[in-house]
Amino acid sequence: MISFSIIIPTYNRAHLIRDTLDSVFTQTYPHFEVIIVDDGSTDNTKEVIEKTYNSNQRLRYFYKENEERGAARNFGLKVANGQFALFFDSDDLMHRNHLETLNEYIVKLGTVNFIATKHDWQHKNKKKASTIQEVKEGWYDKELFLESNGLACNFCVRVANPNMILFRESRELVTMEDWIFLLENTAKDKIFIVDKTTLTLVDHDERSLTKNFQETAKKRLFATQWIEEHINLSDSEIKRLRSGTYVFCSVFNYLDLENFKSLKFIFKSIGIDGINKKKIMLLIKNILVINKLKNYFRNG
């Protein structure tokens, strides 16, 4: 029998966390606990959880001073009772078969330290595909994560794995700690990706990556430099890492209407490893916006 610890860091998400927890407690697989790590919330998160889930003995609530999500996830791992731990955000949703699917594959694979299913996105009650849904089922190493982290934080780990590298807790790496965790751990191990979509990530204005586009781009650049200095990568892997970061920064500058900055980053990426469909689309979108602005000011 496989047991799971679902680790959910939260910070001021009292208005969202009930939907998340309700989706967790509808799991068809029964052998799990939920660990809420309240990372210094100043809203009524504790009251909401106590009022709604006080009688649920599978939920364990911990309040700690704010140290950001890397530290919160590491804390959850330390107190976890399950054989496997799942990391999950306090604003996302589990499908009823998520744990059942993980259990099925863990039993089938026999030995696995890292495993994940796929997710889709929900924006204003409309579903859309995620990039990870394009990945074939199977084992993957760091090559999958050099350019981007298609899994976000949604992966499952064997708690007793002695070689697991914990989340980096530096505040300078906030929002990038999941990406770094995967790169560090798949540098010497592999993760199995299941070709089943069992999670939904809810897209909203408070998501940490999209609250401040410029800050997110800066953090990505800083994290890239950190990775180059701390993870053993070949020259070709470093090129892919940098190219992916420049595309990432181009996207976030485009979203922030910083079109010239966006073009600058995309040309940097093209200079590393050439053109592709995604880069062409970014070029076209930026040029269209710039031309539209030119016409607006020209015509008064």
Protein backbone atom coordinates (compact mmCIF):
# COMPACT_ATOMS: atom_id res chain seq x y z
CA MET A 1 0.00 0.00 0.00
CA ILE A 2 1.42 3.36 -1.08
CA SER A 3 0.77 6.35 1.18
CA PHE A 4 0.98 9.98 0.09
CA SER A 5 1.66 13.28 1.84
CA ILE A 6 0.21 16.21 -0.10
CA ILE A 7 2.27 19.29 0.83
CA ILE A 8 0.51 22.61 0.22
CA PRO A 9 2.35 25.83 1.07
CA THR A 10 0.04 28.82 1.30
CA TYR A 11 0.30 32.54 1.84
CA ASN A 12 -2.80 34.76 2.07
CA ARG A 13 -4.97 32.42 -0.02
CA ALA A 14 -7.94 32.12 2.36
CA HIS A 15 -10.29 33.01 -0.50
CA LEU A 16 -8.90 30.27 -2.77
CA ILE A 17 -7.73 27.41 -0.58
CA ARG A 18 -11.15 25.85 0.05
CA ASP A 19 -11.60 24.96 -3.62
CA THR A 20 -8.14 23.43 -3.64
CA LEU A 21 -8.70 21.37 -0.49
CA ASP A 22 -12.17 20.27 -1.60
CA SER A 23 -10.63 18.87 -4.78
CA VAL A 24 -7.99 17.03 -2.74
CA PHE A 25 -10.51 15.45 -0.40
CA THR A 26 -12.52 13.99 -3.29
CA GLN A 27 -9.65 11.65 -4.25
CA THR A 28 -10.71 8.10 -5.08
CA TYR A 29 -7.47 6.78 -3.55
CA PRO A 30 -7.84 6.98 0.25
CA HIS A 31 -4.33 6.59 1.68
CA PHE A 32 -3.11 10.15 2.04
CA GLU A 33 -2.59 13.05 4.40
CA VAL A 34 -2.68 16.77 3.66
CA ILE A 35 0.01 19.03 5.12
CA ILE A 36 -0.81 22.74 5.00
CA VAL A 37 2.27 24.89 5.57
CA ASP A 38 1.01 28.39 6.24
CA ASP A 39 3.99 30.54 5.34
CA GLY A 40 3.16 33.50 7.58
CA SER A 41 -0.28 34.43 6.21
CA THR A 42 -1.76 37.68 7.51
CA ASP A 43 -5.30 36.95 6.33
CA ASN A 44 -7.82 34.52 7.88
CA THR A 45 -6.36 31.35 6.34
CA LYS A 46 -6.12 29.61 9.72
CA GLU A 47 -9.74 30.43 10.60
CA VAL A 48 -11.01 29.19 7.23
CA ILE A 49 -9.17 25.88 7.59
CA GLU A 50 -10.18 25.36 11.22
CA LYS A 51 -13.83 26.18 10.53
CA THR A 52 -14.15 24.06 7.40
CA TYR A 53 -11.81 21.11 8.00
CA ASN A 54 -11.37 20.90 11.77
CA SER A 55 -12.95 17.44 11.95
CA ASN A 56 -10.88 16.03 9.07
CA GLN A 57 -8.13 13.99 10.67
CA ARG A 58 -6.17 13.65 7.43
CA LEU A 59 -5.36 17.37 7.45
CA ARG A 60 -2.39 18.74 9.42
CA TYR A 61 -1.94 22.51 9.66
CA PHE A 62 1.38 24.21 10.45
CA TYR A 63 1.95 27.93 10.81
CA LYS A 64 5.47 29.30 10.41
CA GLU A 65 7.13 32.63 9.77
CA ASN A 66 7.38 33.66 6.14
CA GLU A 67 10.42 32.16 4.44
CA GLU A 68 8.92 31.61 0.96
CA ARG A 69 7.84 28.42 -0.80
CA GLY A 70 11.16 26.57 -0.97
CA ALA A 71 11.48 26.59 2.81
CA ALA A 72 7.77 25.75 3.21
CA ARG A 73 8.07 22.69 0.95
CA ASN A 74 11.20 21.51 2.76
CA PHE A 75 9.36 21.90 6.07
CA GLY A 76 6.49 19.80 4.71
CA LEU A 77 8.94 17.07 3.70
CA LYS A 78 10.39 16.96 7.23
CA VAL A 79 7.00 16.33 8.84
CA ALA A 80 5.60 14.06 6.09
CA ASN A 81 4.41 10.60 7.13
CA GLY A 82 3.77 9.30 3.62
CA GLN A 83 6.08 7.19 1.49
CA PHE A 84 5.65 9.72 -1.31
CA ALA A 85 5.18 13.48 -1.13
CA LEU A 86 3.28 15.59 -3.64
CA PHE A 87 3.86 19.31 -3.95
CA PHE A 88 0.76 21.31 -4.77
CA ASP A 89 -0.16 24.99 -4.85
CA SER A 90 -2.99 26.40 -2.76
CA ASP A 91 -4.87 27.78 -5.77
CA ASP A 92 -4.95 24.72 -8.06
CA LEU A 93 -7.23 21.71 -8.44
CA MET A 94 -6.79 17.93 -8.33
CA HIS A 95 -8.90 15.65 -10.46
CA ARG A 96 -10.48 12.78 -8.52
CA ASN A 97 -8.11 10.20 -10.02
CA HIS A 98 -4.80 12.00 -9.36
CA LEU A 99 -3.56 9.86 -6.46
CA GLU A 100 -5.04 6.71 -7.93
CA THR A 101 -3.10 7.32 -11.15
CA LEU A 102 0.16 7.95 -9.29
CA ASN A 103 -0.33 4.82 -7.18
CA GLU A 104 -1.00 2.71 -10.27
CA TYR A 105 2.22 3.83 -11.97
CA ILE A 106 4.39 3.65 -8.86
CA VAL A 107 3.34 0.04 -8.35
CA LYS A 108 3.88 -0.71 -12.06
CA LEU A 109 7.33 0.93 -12.22
CA GLY A 110 8.62 -0.66 -9.02
CA THR A 111 11.41 1.81 -8.25
CA VAL A 112 10.79 5.50 -8.83
CA ASN A 113 12.12 8.56 -7.03
CA PHE A 114 10.33 11.23 -9.09
CA ILE A 115 7.04 10.96 -10.95
CA ALA A 116 4.47 13.39 -12.33
CA THR A 117 1.23 13.45 -14.26
CA LYS A 118 0.19 16.23 -16.61
CA HIS A 119 -1.96 19.31 -16.06
CA ASP A 120 -4.15 21.66 -18.03
CA TRP A 121 -4.97 25.32 -17.41
CA GLN A 122 -8.23 26.96 -16.39
CA HIS A 123 -8.84 30.63 -17.13
CA LYS A 124 -12.25 32.07 -16.24
CA ASN A 125 -13.80 28.58 -16.28
CA LYS A 126 -12.36 27.76 -19.70
CA LYS A 127 -9.80 24.96 -20.06
CA LYS A 128 -6.71 25.15 -22.25
CA ALA A 129 -3.80 22.80 -22.86
CA SER A 130 -0.40 23.10 -21.19
CA THR A 131 2.99 22.56 -22.83
CA ILE A 132 3.63 19.44 -20.73
CA GLN A 133 0.70 17.71 -22.45
CA GLU A 134 2.80 17.51 -25.61
CA VAL A 135 5.47 15.39 -23.86
CA LYS A 136 5.34 11.64 -24.46
CA GLU A 137 5.03 9.26 -21.53
CA GLY A 138 8.33 7.98 -20.20
CA TRP A 139 11.53 8.69 -18.29
CA TYR A 140 13.25 12.09 -18.57
CA ASP A 141 16.42 13.69 -17.25
CA LYS A 142 17.49 17.33 -17.05
CA GLU A 143 17.35 17.72 -20.85
CA LEU A 144 13.58 18.17 -20.57
CA PHE A 145 13.94 21.10 -18.18
CA LEU A 146 16.87 23.05 -19.62
CA GLU A 147 14.67 25.52 -21.50
CA SER A 148 11.60 25.59 -19.25
CA ASN A 149 9.75 23.88 -16.42
CA GLY A 150 6.55 22.53 -17.91
CA LEU A 151 5.59 20.78 -14.66
CA ALA A 152 5.58 23.85 -12.37
CA CYS A 153 5.58 22.38 -8.81
CA ASN A 154 3.36 19.45 -9.69
CA PHE A 155 5.54 16.43 -9.13
CA CYS A 156 5.73 13.59 -6.64
CA VAL A 157 8.88 12.42 -4.84
CA ARG A 158 9.89 9.39 -2.78
CA VAL A 159 10.41 10.80 0.72
CA ALA A 160 13.10 8.30 1.75
CA ASN A 161 15.30 9.01 -1.28
CA PRO A 162 18.72 9.75 0.34
CA ASN A 163 20.04 11.47 -2.79
CA MET A 164 17.23 13.99 -3.17
CA ILE A 165 18.41 17.59 -3.22
CA LEU A 166 15.96 19.79 -1.31
CA PHE A 167 14.45 23.04 -2.55
CA ARG A 168 16.73 26.05 -2.53
CA GLU A 169 15.47 28.49 0.09
CA SER A 170 17.10 31.73 -1.04
CA ARG A 171 14.57 34.54 -1.50
CA GLU A 172 16.49 35.57 -4.60
CA LEU A 173 15.35 32.33 -6.27
CA VAL A 174 11.66 32.67 -5.38
CA THR A 175 9.37 31.52 -8.26
CA MET A 176 12.30 29.61 -9.78
CA GLU A 177 12.87 27.09 -6.98
CA ASP A 178 10.74 24.37 -8.63
CA TRP A 179 12.71 24.66 -11.87
CA ILE A 180 16.01 24.47 -10.02
CA PHE A 181 14.79 21.51 -7.92
CA LEU A 182 13.99 19.55 -11.08
CA LEU A 183 17.25 20.43 -12.81
CA GLU A 184 19.36 19.52 -9.77
CA ASN A 185 17.59 16.23 -9.15
CA THR A 186 17.33 15.09 -12.77
CA ALA A 187 21.02 15.84 -13.33
CA LYS A 188 21.73 12.44 -11.72
CA ASP A 189 18.28 10.81 -11.65
CA LYS A 190 15.19 10.64 -13.86
CA ILE A 191 11.53 11.56 -13.53
CA PHE A 192 8.72 9.50 -15.03
CA ILE A 193 5.97 11.51 -16.71
CA VAL A 194 2.58 9.82 -16.95
CA ASP A 195 0.51 10.55 -20.04
CA LYS A 196 -2.63 11.39 -18.08
CA THR A 197 -3.97 14.84 -17.20
CA THR A 198 -5.03 14.74 -13.56
CA LEU A 199 -4.46 18.33 -12.42
CA THR A 200 -5.77 21.77 -13.33
CA LEU A 201 -3.78 24.94 -12.72
CA VAL A 202 -6.03 27.96 -12.24
CA ASP A 203 -4.84 31.06 -14.07
CA HIS A 204 -5.62 34.24 -12.14
CA ASP A 205 -4.12 37.67 -11.51
CA GLU A 206 -2.56 36.66 -8.18
CA ARG A 207 -0.35 33.87 -9.52
CA SER A 208 3.22 34.52 -8.41
CA LEU A 209 4.70 34.38 -11.91
CA THR A 210 2.31 36.95 -13.37
CA LYS A 211 1.97 39.52 -10.58
CA ASN A 212 5.02 41.45 -11.82
CA PHE A 213 6.28 40.59 -15.30
CA GLN A 214 9.56 42.53 -15.05
CA GLU A 215 10.40 41.05 -11.66
CA THR A 216 9.72 37.55 -12.97
CA ALA A 217 12.02 38.11 -15.95
CA LYS A 218 14.77 39.37 -13.64
CA LYS A 219 14.40 36.33 -11.39
CA ARG A 220 14.65 34.04 -14.40
CA LEU A 221 17.91 35.70 -15.49
CA PHE A 222 19.30 35.44 -11.94
CA ALA A 223 18.27 31.78 -11.66
CA THR A 224 19.91 31.02 -15.00
CA GLN A 225 23.20 32.46 -13.78
CA TRP A 226 22.84 30.47 -10.53
CA ILE A 227 22.23 27.25 -12.48
CA GLU A 228 25.29 27.81 -14.66
CA GLU A 229 27.42 28.29 -11.54
CA HIS A 230 26.02 25.39 -9.48
CA ILE A 231 24.92 22.63 -11.87
CA ASN A 232 27.38 20.79 -14.08
CA LEU A 233 26.23 21.47 -17.65
CA SER A 234 27.95 20.95 -20.99
CA ASP A 235 28.49 23.88 -23.37
CA SER A 236 25.56 22.78 -25.52
CA GLU A 237 23.32 22.48 -22.45
CA ILE A 238 24.29 25.98 -21.32
CA LYS A 239 23.35 27.30 -24.76
CA ARG A 240 19.91 25.66 -24.52
CA LEU A 241 19.50 27.01 -20.98
CA ARG A 242 20.31 30.57 -22.04
CA SER A 243 18.20 30.38 -25.20
CA GLY A 244 15.19 29.17 -23.21
CA THR A 245 15.68 31.96 -20.68
CA TYR A 246 15.80 34.61 -23.40
CA VAL A 247 12.55 33.26 -24.88
CA PHE A 248 11.00 33.29 -21.40
CA CYS A 249 12.08 36.91 -20.85
CA SER A 250 10.82 37.86 -24.31
CA VAL A 251 7.38 36.46 -23.48
CA PHE A 252 7.17 38.28 -20.15
CA ASN A 253 8.30 41.58 -21.67
CA TYR A 254 5.72 41.15 -24.43
CA LEU A 255 3.03 40.61 -21.77
CA ASP A 256 4.25 43.80 -20.07
CA LEU A 257 4.01 45.71 -23.39
CA GLU A 258 7.78 46.19 -23.38
CA ASN A 259 7.99 45.26 -27.05
CA PHE A 260 11.49 46.52 -27.82
CA LYS A 261 12.87 44.64 -24.80
CA SER A 262 10.95 41.57 -25.93
CA LEU A 263 12.50 41.79 -29.40
CA LYS A 264 15.96 42.23 -27.89
CA PHE A 265 15.61 38.98 -25.93
CA ILE A 266 14.22 37.02 -28.87
CA PHE A 267 17.12 38.12 -31.08
CA LYS A 268 19.51 36.99 -28.33
CA SER A 269 17.86 33.57 -28.40
CA ILE A 270 17.99 33.41 -32.20
CA GLY A 271 21.70 34.24 -32.03
CA ILE A 272 22.26 31.15 -29.85
CA ASP A 273 20.33 28.41 -31.62
CA GLY A 274 18.44 29.88 -34.54
CA ILE A 275 14.79 30.40 -35.34
CA ASN A 276 11.76 28.23 -34.62
CA LYS A 277 7.98 28.55 -34.71
CA LYS A 278 7.67 30.03 -31.21
CA LYS A 279 10.31 32.67 -31.90
CA ILE A 280 8.68 33.60 -35.21
CA MET A 281 5.34 34.09 -33.44
CA LEU A 282 6.97 36.32 -30.81
CA LEU A 283 8.62 38.40 -33.52
CA ILE A 284 5.35 38.83 -35.39
CA LYS A 285 3.36 39.72 -32.25
CA ASN A 286 5.87 42.35 -31.15
CA ILE A 287 6.17 43.92 -34.60
CA LEU A 288 2.38 44.08 -34.94
CA VAL A 289 2.07 45.89 -31.59
CA ILE A 290 4.88 48.33 -32.44
CA ASN A 291 3.33 49.12 -35.84
CA LYS A 292 -0.06 49.62 -34.24
CA LEU A 293 1.44 52.09 -31.75
CA LYS A 294 3.29 53.91 -34.54
CA ASN A 295 0.08 54.32 -36.52
CA TYR A 296 -1.77 55.50 -33.42
CA PHE A 297 0.73 58.28 -32.70
CA ARG A 298 1.16 59.13 -36.38
CA ASN A 299 -2.58 59.62 -36.83
CA GLY A 300 -2.92 61.56 -33.59
